[in-house]
Amino acid sequence: MIPTLVAVDEDRVASINAGYRYRHRIPERRSSRPWATGLRLLLPLTAVLSVQFVSIANTAGVGGPSRYAKSFGAIELSYCKLPGVPQPARCGVLEVAENPNQPAGRRLRIGVAVIPATGGKSLPDPIAILMGGPGEDAIGAAEIYAEQFTTLRQDRDILLVDQRGTGRSGALNCALFSAQEPAVSLRDVFPPAAVERCEQNLRVGADLTQYTYDRFANDLEQVRQALGYGPLNLCAGSYGTRAAQVYLRMYPKSVRTVYMGSVVPIDVAGPLPFAKTEQTAIEKMFDACAGDFACNATFPHLREEFRQISARLSSGSVRVTVQAYTGTVPLYRGRVAEWFRSKLYRPRSSTTLPWMIHRAFLGDWSPISEGIPSDASDDSPFSFGLFFAITCSEDVPFIREDDVTAETQGTFLGDYRLRQQQAACKFWPKASLPKDYREPIRSSVPTVFASGDADGGTPLWFMQRAAQGFSHRIEVVLRGQGHTEWNDCIAQIYQQVLVSGSVDGGITSTCPPVPRPPFRTH
């Protein structure tokens, strides 16, 4: 449902990058198709839509009063062109208080884009996309969702709202890596000096305690009311599912259905589970190679070779040459393990690991030592500032030191990622969370949970844990698939739930297995 056209104006919006974000740590992708890396877009605005904020929630009979939102200003949507979306979209901004408890203080401009229904008339319940990371922007992913929901958007809009601190909503960007310091990239996933410098730069123009998920939920509710929408169909993946859980708790009457792909339970403190999750994924990868004729024939001793390269890395004896750097630098086991972890998020990205392990066993570490700095680049619009704002307030403080050894000992990753993130969070101001913020969500809203059984990021037990409180749900295992992946089977299940607005409670389902891509052997 799009507001009535009432005015015309001319303006220009700067290009933004719609490429794949955060590919080297917490990759987020809803489709099996690759992101159009580096794709640029220009948004010529040719017509302005103006709507006054009124108490639409009261007239529509949905939503509840926010403990933050007291009054609304105006929002304008203008015709715009989004990459890969054939028809014109409508883009604009919503001004909100950075700190809702200080309405006269600093204001934020929240970026909004609507991809209108293609059938000429839209139902009042759009599909609202909640991105993960945390730190990814929604508007830059327009192409993915326009294609993924081609059928569903015949009569429904797609609502894209850049979470505060990302994309067009005051992005909290950090330059963590430098091509002039490749050795740092081979040591740290979060270089401490760069994190501290980023916090010092950002705090000049932002209150870094005001970028938690409850703040984003409040922004999203204001957008919903401003555009006159009824209850939303939330579509979330990975850390975006945290946003969905928070919004669902704060505004239960503003949600019609929920899709949670690769859910992250609100009461699980990352990155504590990462080490065991990666270790399980490594073992599954070894089993898959052993069951693949070509992979097993080429790498018949893969487990032993992996054990030996792990021991060499642990001893500190591995040194490598890097581009534009004199001499050699050490290659750290934890950094290699964290990079491997990112490759294990999906079967397709893990297909090179046996070959890399074998090359390293033979003494050639270059595929690893060159791959890590290549992925650790600052050329994407991922918002590390938002990542720290969320995880340093909503995850890391809730990790108990007594649990660390049990959760990390005997794994390839060990406590490396945990200690790196704890160190980074020492520089970041902590938000004050509402009481019971991390309590598991209980809801009767129809919800689809979907997780891949080959996901090296969010294990199946995450889904089982988070889904317990949802009385009307379906839990779907995507066999042979990884993190936030999509296929025809889950598309059909989601379409049925979205169209009907209902689901039988307590149903579990399994999608047919997707064949694993072939391993690289040379």
Protein backbone atom coordinates (compact mmCIF):
# COMPACT_ATOMS: atom_id res chain seq x y z
CA MET A 1 0.00 0.00 0.00
CA ILE A 2 1.58 3.25 -1.18
CA PRO A 3 0.42 6.72 -0.08
CA THR A 4 -1.26 8.99 -2.59
CA LEU A 5 0.95 11.08 -4.88
CA VAL A 6 0.62 14.70 -3.88
CA ALA A 7 3.68 16.59 -5.03
CA VAL A 8 6.52 16.66 -7.53
CA ASP A 9 10.13 17.53 -6.86
CA GLU A 10 13.60 17.01 -8.32
CA ASP A 11 16.57 15.78 -6.33
CA ARG A 12 19.66 13.62 -6.51
CA VAL A 13 20.86 10.79 -4.30
CA ALA A 14 24.46 9.64 -4.22
CA SER A 15 25.29 6.17 -5.49
CA ILE A 16 25.63 3.37 -2.96
CA ASN A 17 27.30 0.02 -3.22
CA ALA A 18 24.90 -2.93 -3.40
CA GLY A 19 27.60 -5.60 -3.22
CA TYR A 20 27.79 -8.65 -0.99
CA ARG A 21 28.59 -7.55 2.53
CA TYR A 22 30.72 -8.96 5.35
CA ARG A 23 31.67 -11.94 3.23
CA HIS A 24 34.70 -12.69 5.37
CA ARG A 25 33.03 -13.10 8.76
CA ILE A 26 29.34 -13.46 9.01
CA PRO A 27 28.13 -13.82 5.43
CA GLU A 28 24.49 -12.99 4.86
CA ARG A 29 22.76 -14.12 1.70
CA ARG A 30 19.18 -15.23 1.23
CA SER A 31 19.58 -16.63 -2.27
CA SER A 32 21.86 -19.29 -3.69
CA ARG A 33 22.71 -16.79 -6.42
CA PRO A 34 25.84 -14.69 -5.78
CA TRP A 35 25.57 -11.04 -4.88
CA ALA A 36 26.41 -8.57 -7.62
CA THR A 37 29.63 -7.41 -6.02
CA GLY A 38 30.50 -3.81 -6.67
CA LEU A 39 27.23 -3.02 -8.43
CA ARG A 40 26.57 0.71 -8.42
CA LEU A 41 23.26 2.48 -8.66
CA LEU A 42 21.92 5.96 -9.12
CA LEU A 43 18.57 6.95 -7.68
CA PRO A 44 17.05 9.83 -9.70
CA LEU A 45 14.09 11.10 -7.74
CA THR A 46 11.29 12.37 -9.94
CA ALA A 47 8.24 12.53 -7.72
CA VAL A 48 7.71 13.03 -4.02
CA LEU A 49 5.04 11.38 -1.92
CA SER A 50 4.18 13.11 1.31
CA VAL A 51 2.33 11.60 4.23
CA GLN A 52 1.77 13.11 7.63
CA PHE A 53 2.41 10.89 10.62
CA VAL A 54 -0.88 10.37 12.37
CA SER A 55 -2.09 7.71 14.75
CA ILE A 56 -2.61 5.23 11.95
CA ALA A 57 -2.13 2.32 14.32
CA ASN A 58 -5.29 3.35 16.13
CA THR A 59 -7.42 3.64 13.00
CA ALA A 60 -6.00 0.42 11.58
CA GLY A 61 -6.48 -1.43 14.83
CA VAL A 62 -2.91 -2.72 14.98
CA GLY A 63 0.23 -1.98 16.91
CA GLY A 64 0.59 -0.63 20.39
CA PRO A 65 1.91 2.54 21.94
CA SER A 66 5.69 2.62 22.05
CA ARG A 67 7.36 3.58 25.25
CA TYR A 68 9.65 5.70 23.09
CA ALA A 69 7.52 7.11 20.27
CA LYS A 70 5.31 9.98 21.34
CA SER A 71 4.75 11.97 18.18
CA PHE A 72 5.52 11.70 14.50
CA GLY A 73 6.79 14.10 11.87
CA ALA A 74 6.54 13.62 8.10
CA ILE A 75 8.00 11.08 5.72
CA GLU A 76 8.51 11.54 1.99
CA LEU A 77 8.88 8.75 -0.55
CA SER A 78 10.23 9.54 -3.98
CA TYR A 79 10.38 7.45 -7.14
CA CYS A 80 13.79 5.82 -7.44
CA LYS A 81 15.59 3.11 -9.37
CA LEU A 82 17.04 0.20 -7.41
CA PRO A 83 19.58 -2.18 -9.01
CA GLY A 84 18.09 -5.25 -10.60
CA VAL A 85 14.52 -4.18 -9.83
CA PRO A 86 12.70 -3.64 -13.14
CA GLN A 87 9.98 -1.30 -11.92
CA PRO A 88 10.47 2.02 -10.11
CA ALA A 89 10.72 1.84 -6.34
CA ARG A 90 10.01 4.60 -3.84
CA CYS A 91 12.68 5.86 -1.50
CA GLY A 92 12.78 8.33 1.33
CA VAL A 93 13.83 9.06 4.88
CA LEU A 94 12.19 9.17 8.27
CA GLU A 95 13.62 11.49 10.89
CA VAL A 96 13.75 10.03 14.39
CA ALA A 97 15.42 10.94 17.66
CA GLU A 98 18.74 9.15 18.07
CA ASN A 99 17.88 8.78 21.74
CA PRO A 100 14.08 8.42 22.06
CA ASN A 101 14.35 9.51 25.68
CA GLN A 102 15.79 12.82 24.50
CA PRO A 103 13.43 13.85 21.66
CA ALA A 104 14.98 17.32 21.42
CA GLY A 105 18.46 15.88 20.90
CA ARG A 106 20.33 14.61 17.84
CA ARG A 107 18.18 13.38 14.95
CA LEU A 108 18.76 10.39 12.67
CA ARG A 109 17.59 9.99 9.10
CA ILE A 110 16.33 6.45 8.57
CA GLY A 111 16.56 5.27 4.95
CA VAL A 112 13.41 3.65 3.59
CA ALA A 113 12.64 2.02 0.23
CA VAL A 114 9.42 0.39 -0.95
CA ILE A 115 9.29 -1.99 -3.92
CA PRO A 116 5.61 -1.73 -4.89
CA ALA A 117 3.41 -4.72 -5.65
CA THR A 118 3.48 -5.52 -9.36
CA GLY A 119 -0.23 -6.30 -9.68
CA GLY A 120 -1.36 -2.69 -9.44
CA LYS A 121 -2.93 -3.02 -6.01
CA SER A 122 -1.13 -3.99 -2.81
CA LEU A 123 -2.43 -5.60 0.33
CA PRO A 124 -1.80 -3.72 3.59
CA ASP A 125 0.72 -6.29 4.89
CA PRO A 126 4.11 -5.89 3.16
CA ILE A 127 7.11 -8.19 3.44
CA ALA A 128 9.57 -6.34 5.68
CA ILE A 129 13.20 -7.40 5.29
CA LEU A 130 15.41 -7.55 8.40
CA MET A 131 19.09 -7.90 7.55
CA GLY A 132 21.79 -9.63 9.53
CA GLY A 133 25.45 -9.21 10.35
CA PRO A 134 24.64 -7.26 12.42
CA GLY A 135 25.72 -4.45 10.13
CA GLU A 136 24.16 -5.11 6.72
CA ASP A 137 21.85 -2.62 5.05
CA ALA A 138 18.50 -3.64 3.54
CA ILE A 139 18.15 -1.25 0.61
CA GLY A 140 21.38 -2.49 -0.98
CA ALA A 141 19.86 -6.00 -1.12
CA ALA A 142 16.78 -4.94 -3.11
CA GLU A 143 17.71 -7.02 -6.15
CA ILE A 144 17.88 -10.24 -4.15
CA TYR A 145 14.44 -9.87 -2.59
CA ALA A 146 12.70 -8.52 -5.65
CA GLU A 147 13.73 -11.70 -7.46
CA GLN A 148 13.25 -14.07 -4.54
CA PHE A 149 9.69 -12.87 -3.93
CA THR A 150 8.62 -12.39 -7.54
CA THR A 151 5.39 -14.32 -7.03
CA LEU A 152 4.55 -12.93 -3.61
CA ARG A 153 4.97 -9.32 -4.64
CA GLN A 154 2.15 -9.54 -7.13
CA ASP A 155 -0.04 -8.12 -4.38
CA ARG A 156 2.40 -7.17 -1.63
CA ASP A 157 5.03 -4.47 -1.30
CA ILE A 158 8.54 -5.21 -0.13
CA LEU A 159 9.56 -2.84 2.65
CA LEU A 160 13.29 -2.15 3.04
CA VAL A 161 14.40 -0.14 6.06
CA ASP A 162 18.10 0.38 6.67
CA GLN A 163 18.69 -0.31 10.34
CA ARG A 164 20.01 2.73 12.19
CA GLY A 165 23.78 2.67 11.87
CA THR A 166 23.75 1.00 8.43
CA GLY A 167 23.42 2.07 4.79
CA ARG A 168 21.37 5.25 4.44
CA SER A 169 20.57 5.39 8.14
CA GLY A 170 23.69 7.05 9.51
CA ALA A 171 26.09 4.21 8.72
CA LEU A 172 28.67 3.59 11.46
CA ASN A 173 31.50 2.65 9.12
CA CYS A 174 34.93 1.60 10.39
CA ALA A 175 38.20 1.18 8.51
CA LEU A 176 39.60 -1.86 10.30
CA PHE A 177 42.07 -3.12 7.73
CA SER A 178 44.83 -1.55 5.68
CA ALA A 179 46.57 -2.81 2.57
CA GLN A 180 49.74 -1.28 4.02
CA GLU A 181 49.51 -3.56 7.07
CA PRO A 182 48.79 -7.07 5.75
CA ALA A 183 50.50 -8.64 8.75
CA VAL A 184 47.76 -7.23 10.98
CA SER A 185 45.12 -8.96 8.87
CA LEU A 186 46.96 -12.26 9.39
CA ARG A 187 46.82 -11.78 13.17
CA ASP A 188 43.59 -10.01 14.12
CA VAL A 189 40.02 -10.36 12.97
CA PHE A 190 39.32 -7.14 14.92
CA PRO A 191 42.58 -5.15 15.09
CA PRO A 192 42.47 -3.43 18.51
CA ALA A 193 44.08 -0.16 17.44
CA ALA A 194 41.69 0.18 14.50
CA VAL A 195 38.66 -0.61 16.67
CA GLU A 196 39.70 2.00 19.23
CA ARG A 197 40.30 4.56 16.48
CA CYS A 198 36.90 3.79 14.97
CA GLU A 199 35.11 4.31 18.29
CA GLN A 200 36.88 7.62 18.82
CA ASN A 201 35.90 8.82 15.34
CA LEU A 202 32.28 7.70 15.52
CA ARG A 203 31.48 9.01 18.97
CA VAL A 204 31.99 12.56 17.71
CA GLY A 205 28.76 12.31 15.72
CA ALA A 206 26.88 9.45 17.36
CA ASP A 207 25.81 8.18 20.76
CA LEU A 208 26.99 4.62 20.31
CA THR A 209 24.69 3.33 23.06
CA GLN A 210 21.62 4.10 20.93
CA TYR A 211 22.01 1.46 18.20
CA THR A 212 20.59 -1.66 19.81
CA TYR A 213 17.76 -3.76 18.38
CA ASP A 214 15.08 -2.22 20.56
CA ARG A 215 15.91 1.15 19.04
CA PHE A 216 15.68 -0.30 15.54
CA ALA A 217 12.33 -1.91 16.42
CA ASN A 218 11.02 1.47 17.45
CA ASP A 219 12.22 3.00 14.17
CA LEU A 220 10.58 0.24 12.15
CA GLU A 221 7.29 0.69 13.97
CA GLN A 222 7.33 4.41 13.21
CA VAL A 223 7.95 3.64 9.53
CA ARG A 224 5.07 1.14 9.52
CA GLN A 225 2.70 3.66 11.03
CA ALA A 226 3.90 6.47 8.77
CA LEU A 227 3.21 4.49 5.61
CA GLY A 228 -0.19 3.34 6.82
CA TYR A 229 0.64 -0.35 6.72
CA GLY A 230 -1.13 -2.98 8.73
CA PRO A 231 0.75 -5.82 10.45
CA LEU A 232 4.05 -6.72 8.77
CA ASN A 233 5.28 -10.01 7.40
CA LEU A 234 8.79 -10.03 8.89
CA CYS A 235 11.41 -11.82 6.78
CA ALA A 236 14.69 -12.17 8.67
CA GLY A 237 17.94 -14.08 8.38
CA SER A 238 20.76 -14.78 10.83
CA TYR A 239 21.22 -11.79 13.15
CA GLY A 240 18.21 -10.20 11.51
CA THR A 241 16.19 -12.81 13.39
CA ARG A 242 17.29 -11.10 16.60
CA ALA A 243 15.71 -7.92 15.29
CA ALA A 244 12.55 -9.87 14.46
CA GLN A 245 12.37 -11.32 17.96
CA VAL A 246 12.77 -7.91 19.60
CA TYR A 247 10.19 -6.29 17.31
CA LEU A 248 7.77 -9.16 17.91
CA ARG A 249 8.03 -8.69 21.66
CA MET A 250 7.67 -4.92 21.55
CA TYR A 251 4.92 -4.76 18.91
CA PRO A 252 3.15 -8.14 18.80
CA LYS A 253 0.03 -6.74 17.14
CA SER A 254 2.14 -5.21 14.37
CA VAL A 255 3.26 -8.61 13.05
CA ARG A 256 1.18 -10.88 10.80
CA THR A 257 3.76 -13.63 10.01
CA VAL A 258 7.47 -14.21 10.55
CA TYR A 259 10.16 -16.01 8.56
CA MET A 260 13.35 -16.77 10.49
CA GLY A 261 16.18 -18.21 8.41
CA SER A 262 19.21 -19.47 10.35
CA VAL A 263 17.80 -18.07 13.57
CA VAL A 264 20.04 -16.67 16.32
CA PRO A 265 18.29 -17.18 19.69
CA ILE A 266 18.01 -14.04 21.73
CA ASP A 267 19.35 -15.78 24.84
CA VAL A 268 22.48 -17.30 23.24
CA ALA A 269 25.55 -15.12 23.71
CA GLY A 270 27.78 -15.10 20.65
CA PRO A 271 30.54 -15.77 19.86
CA LEU A 272 30.73 -18.42 22.61
CA PRO A 273 29.18 -21.23 20.48
CA PHE A 274 31.32 -20.51 17.42
CA ALA A 275 34.17 -22.90 18.23
CA LYS A 276 32.07 -26.03 18.65
CA THR A 277 29.86 -25.09 15.70
CA GLU A 278 32.88 -24.75 13.44
CA GLN A 279 34.36 -28.02 14.70
CA THR A 280 31.17 -29.88 13.83
CA ALA A 281 31.18 -28.27 10.38
CA ILE A 282 34.81 -29.30 9.83
CA GLU A 283 33.99 -32.91 10.65
CA LYS A 284 31.03 -32.83 8.26
CA MET A 285 33.30 -31.43 5.56
CA PHE A 286 35.80 -34.22 6.12
CA ASP A 287 33.02 -36.81 5.89
CA ALA A 288 31.73 -35.22 2.69
CA CYS A 289 35.20 -35.33 1.13
CA ALA A 290 35.63 -38.96 2.16
CA GLY A 291 32.31 -39.79 0.51
CA ASP A 292 33.19 -37.96 -2.70
CA PHE A 293 35.19 -40.13 -5.10
CA ALA A 294 37.32 -37.34 -6.60
CA CYS A 295 37.99 -35.59 -3.26
CA ASN A 296 38.86 -38.78 -1.42
CA ALA A 297 41.10 -40.00 -4.25
CA THR A 298 43.00 -36.70 -4.28
CA PHE A 299 43.15 -36.14 -0.51
CA PRO A 300 42.98 -39.64 1.07
CA HIS A 301 44.66 -38.49 4.31
CA LEU A 302 42.86 -35.18 4.76
CA ARG A 303 42.17 -35.51 8.49
CA GLU A 304 45.80 -36.31 9.28
CA GLU A 305 47.04 -33.47 7.08
CA PHE A 306 44.68 -31.11 8.88
CA ARG A 307 45.97 -32.33 12.25
CA GLN A 308 49.54 -31.65 11.16
CA ILE A 309 48.94 -28.14 9.82
CA SER A 310 47.03 -27.33 13.04
CA ALA A 311 50.05 -28.42 15.07
CA ARG A 312 52.42 -26.34 12.94
CA LEU A 313 50.22 -23.27 13.35
CA SER A 314 50.00 -23.85 17.11
CA SER A 315 53.79 -24.06 17.38
CA GLY A 316 54.21 -20.60 15.83
CA SER A 317 56.60 -21.95 13.24
CA VAL A 318 54.57 -20.92 10.18
CA ARG A 319 55.82 -17.73 8.55
CA VAL A 320 54.71 -16.39 5.18
CA THR A 321 55.59 -13.66 2.75
CA VAL A 322 53.02 -11.00 2.01
CA GLN A 323 52.72 -8.51 -0.80
CA ALA A 324 54.58 -5.19 -0.40
CA TYR A 325 56.19 -6.37 2.84
CA THR A 326 59.86 -7.13 3.42
CA GLY A 327 60.71 -10.42 5.03
CA THR A 328 58.19 -12.86 6.50
CA VAL A 329 55.39 -12.54 9.03
CA PRO A 330 53.82 -15.15 11.32
CA LEU A 331 50.58 -16.87 10.40
CA TYR A 332 48.40 -17.35 13.46
CA ARG A 333 46.31 -20.45 14.08
CA GLY A 334 43.34 -18.51 15.45
CA ARG A 335 43.18 -16.21 12.44
CA VAL A 336 43.32 -19.16 10.05
CA ALA A 337 40.64 -20.98 12.05
CA GLU A 338 38.36 -17.94 11.99
CA TRP A 339 38.81 -17.62 8.23
CA PHE A 340 38.07 -21.31 7.76
CA ARG A 341 34.94 -20.79 9.88
CA SER A 342 33.67 -18.19 7.43
CA LYS A 343 34.22 -20.64 4.57
CA LEU A 344 32.16 -23.28 6.37
CA TYR A 345 28.98 -21.19 6.44
CA ARG A 346 27.85 -22.75 3.18
CA PRO A 347 28.81 -25.90 1.28
CA ARG A 348 29.78 -23.94 -1.82
CA SER A 349 32.28 -21.72 -0.01
CA SER A 350 33.81 -24.75 1.76
CA THR A 351 34.69 -26.63 -1.44
CA THR A 352 38.24 -25.22 -1.57
CA LEU A 353 39.20 -26.13 2.01
CA PRO A 354 40.51 -29.68 1.37
CA TRP A 355 42.75 -28.32 -1.40
CA MET A 356 44.00 -25.51 0.86
CA ILE A 357 44.70 -27.94 3.70
CA HIS A 358 46.67 -30.18 1.36
CA ARG A 359 48.67 -27.28 -0.07
CA ALA A 360 49.53 -26.09 3.46
CA PHE A 361 50.54 -29.64 4.42
CA LEU A 362 52.97 -29.61 1.47
CA GLY A 363 54.36 -26.27 2.68
CA ASP A 364 52.47 -23.90 0.41
CA TRP A 365 50.52 -21.57 2.69
CA SER A 366 49.90 -18.93 0.01
CA PRO A 367 46.24 -19.83 -0.71
CA ILE A 368 45.53 -19.11 2.97
CA SER A 369 47.91 -16.21 3.56
CA GLU A 370 46.68 -14.44 0.42
CA GLY A 371 43.04 -15.29 0.93
CA ILE A 372 42.73 -13.81 4.43
CA PRO A 373 43.90 -10.26 3.56
CA SER A 374 41.88 -10.38 0.34
CA ASP A 375 38.69 -11.00 2.29
CA ALA A 376 39.64 -8.61 5.11
CA SER A 377 38.99 -5.47 3.09
CA ASP A 378 37.15 -2.24 3.81
CA ASP A 379 35.63 -1.91 0.34
CA SER A 380 32.12 -3.00 1.36
CA PRO A 381 29.35 -0.97 3.02
CA PHE A 382 29.21 -3.30 6.01
CA SER A 383 28.87 -1.33 9.23
CA PHE A 384 31.36 -2.58 11.79
CA GLY A 385 30.27 0.21 14.14
CA LEU A 386 26.76 -1.24 14.25
CA PHE A 387 28.23 -4.74 14.65
CA PHE A 388 30.09 -3.63 17.76
CA ALA A 389 27.16 -1.59 19.07
CA ILE A 390 24.95 -4.70 18.99
CA THR A 391 27.31 -7.47 20.01
CA CYS A 392 29.21 -5.51 22.68
CA SER A 393 25.93 -4.74 24.47
CA GLU A 394 23.69 -7.70 23.68
CA ASP A 395 26.11 -10.67 23.55
CA VAL A 396 29.63 -10.35 24.90
CA PRO A 397 28.69 -9.05 28.40
CA PHE A 398 26.58 -12.17 28.97
CA ILE A 399 29.38 -14.67 28.36
CA ARG A 400 30.39 -16.37 31.58
CA GLU A 401 34.10 -16.97 31.96
CA ASP A 402 33.33 -20.31 33.63
CA ASP A 403 31.85 -21.53 30.32
CA VAL A 404 34.71 -20.57 28.02
CA THR A 405 36.97 -23.60 28.49
CA ALA A 406 34.16 -26.12 28.08
CA GLU A 407 32.92 -24.42 24.91
CA THR A 408 36.28 -23.91 23.19
CA GLN A 409 38.79 -26.51 24.39
CA GLY A 410 39.81 -29.13 21.85
CA THR A 411 38.56 -27.14 18.85
CA PHE A 412 40.50 -25.67 15.95
CA LEU A 413 39.20 -22.17 16.72
CA GLY A 414 39.71 -22.38 20.47
CA ASP A 415 38.94 -19.12 22.28
CA TYR A 416 40.51 -16.95 19.56
CA ARG A 417 37.34 -15.37 18.17
CA LEU A 418 35.88 -14.90 21.65
CA ARG A 419 38.97 -13.15 22.98
CA GLN A 420 39.26 -10.98 19.89
CA GLN A 421 35.67 -9.81 20.28
CA GLN A 422 36.03 -9.24 24.01
CA ALA A 423 39.11 -7.12 23.33
CA ALA A 424 37.26 -5.07 20.73
CA CYS A 425 34.34 -4.52 23.09
CA LYS A 426 36.58 -2.96 25.71
CA PHE A 427 36.61 0.15 23.53
CA TRP A 428 32.86 0.24 22.90
CA PRO A 429 30.32 1.99 25.15
CA LYS A 430 27.63 -0.35 26.47
CA ALA A 431 23.92 0.25 26.13
CA SER A 432 21.46 -0.20 28.95
CA LEU A 433 19.07 -2.96 27.89
CA PRO A 434 15.44 -3.18 29.00
CA LYS A 435 14.61 -5.64 31.76
CA ASP A 436 14.16 -9.22 30.53
CA TYR A 437 15.48 -8.17 27.10
CA ARG A 438 17.23 -11.50 26.55
CA GLU A 439 14.40 -13.69 27.77
CA PRO A 440 13.21 -16.18 25.11
CA ILE A 441 10.32 -14.92 22.99
CA ARG A 442 6.84 -16.40 23.34
CA SER A 443 4.42 -15.74 20.52
CA SER A 444 1.36 -17.11 18.74
CA VAL A 445 2.21 -15.32 15.48
CA PRO A 446 2.53 -17.84 12.59
CA THR A 447 6.27 -18.37 12.13
CA VAL A 448 8.45 -20.35 9.73
CA PHE A 449 11.84 -21.40 11.04
CA ALA A 450 14.35 -22.70 8.48
CA SER A 451 17.94 -23.83 9.03
CA GLY A 452 20.46 -25.72 6.93
CA ASP A 453 22.04 -28.88 8.29
CA ALA A 454 25.35 -27.88 6.64
CA ASP A 455 25.50 -24.44 8.29
CA GLY A 456 28.81 -23.63 9.99
CA GLY A 457 27.37 -20.49 11.56
CA THR A 458 24.02 -21.30 13.15
CA PRO A 459 23.57 -24.97 14.15
CA LEU A 460 20.23 -26.75 14.14
CA TRP A 461 19.97 -26.55 17.90
CA PHE A 462 19.64 -22.77 17.56
CA MET A 463 16.37 -23.33 15.69
CA GLN A 464 15.13 -25.88 18.18
CA ARG A 465 15.90 -23.55 21.08
CA ALA A 466 14.37 -20.38 19.63
CA ALA A 467 11.26 -22.09 18.26
CA GLN A 468 10.12 -23.47 21.60
CA GLY A 469 8.20 -20.35 22.54
CA PHE A 470 6.26 -20.13 19.25
CA SER A 471 2.94 -21.94 19.51
CA HIS A 472 2.11 -21.62 15.79
CA ARG A 473 5.24 -22.58 13.92
CA ILE A 474 6.83 -24.86 11.40
CA GLU A 475 10.49 -25.89 11.69
CA VAL A 476 12.12 -26.76 8.38
CA VAL A 477 15.49 -28.46 7.98
CA LEU A 478 17.17 -27.56 4.68
CA ARG A 479 19.21 -30.67 3.98
CA GLY A 480 22.54 -30.09 2.31
CA GLN A 481 22.29 -26.32 2.69
CA GLY A 482 24.07 -23.75 4.77
CA HIS A 483 23.57 -20.29 6.22
CA THR A 484 20.44 -18.36 5.18
CA GLU A 485 20.10 -20.32 1.93
CA TRP A 486 16.92 -20.52 -0.10
CA ASN A 487 15.41 -23.11 -2.44
CA ASP A 488 12.11 -23.98 -4.10
CA CYS A 489 11.00 -26.17 -1.20
CA ILE A 490 11.26 -23.48 1.48
CA ALA A 491 9.85 -20.93 -0.96
CA GLN A 492 6.67 -23.02 -1.32
CA ILE A 493 6.33 -23.49 2.43
CA TYR A 494 6.82 -19.78 3.07
CA GLN A 495 4.38 -18.80 0.34
CA GLN A 496 1.67 -21.01 1.81
CA VAL A 497 2.11 -19.51 5.27
CA LEU A 498 2.32 -15.95 4.01
CA VAL A 499 -0.76 -16.17 1.81
CA SER A 500 -2.90 -17.98 4.38
CA GLY A 501 -1.55 -16.13 7.39
CA SER A 502 -1.58 -19.34 9.39
CA VAL A 503 0.41 -22.48 10.17
CA ASP A 504 -0.38 -25.64 12.06
CA GLY A 505 1.35 -25.56 15.43
CA GLY A 506 4.30 -27.79 16.20
CA ILE A 507 4.88 -29.07 12.65
CA THR A 508 8.37 -30.03 11.55
CA SER A 509 9.42 -30.56 7.97
CA THR A 510 12.49 -31.49 5.95
CA CYS A 511 13.27 -30.27 2.47
CA PRO A 512 14.80 -32.68 -0.07
CA PRO A 513 18.60 -32.70 0.07
CA VAL A 514 20.50 -30.31 -2.18
CA PRO A 515 23.58 -32.00 -3.71
CA ARG A 516 26.89 -30.70 -2.39
CA PRO A 517 28.93 -28.80 -5.00
CA PRO A 518 32.09 -30.63 -6.15
CA PHE A 519 35.26 -30.08 -4.16
CA ARG A 520 38.24 -28.39 -5.71
CA THR A 521 40.93 -30.98 -6.36
CA HIS A 522 43.60 -29.01 -8.23
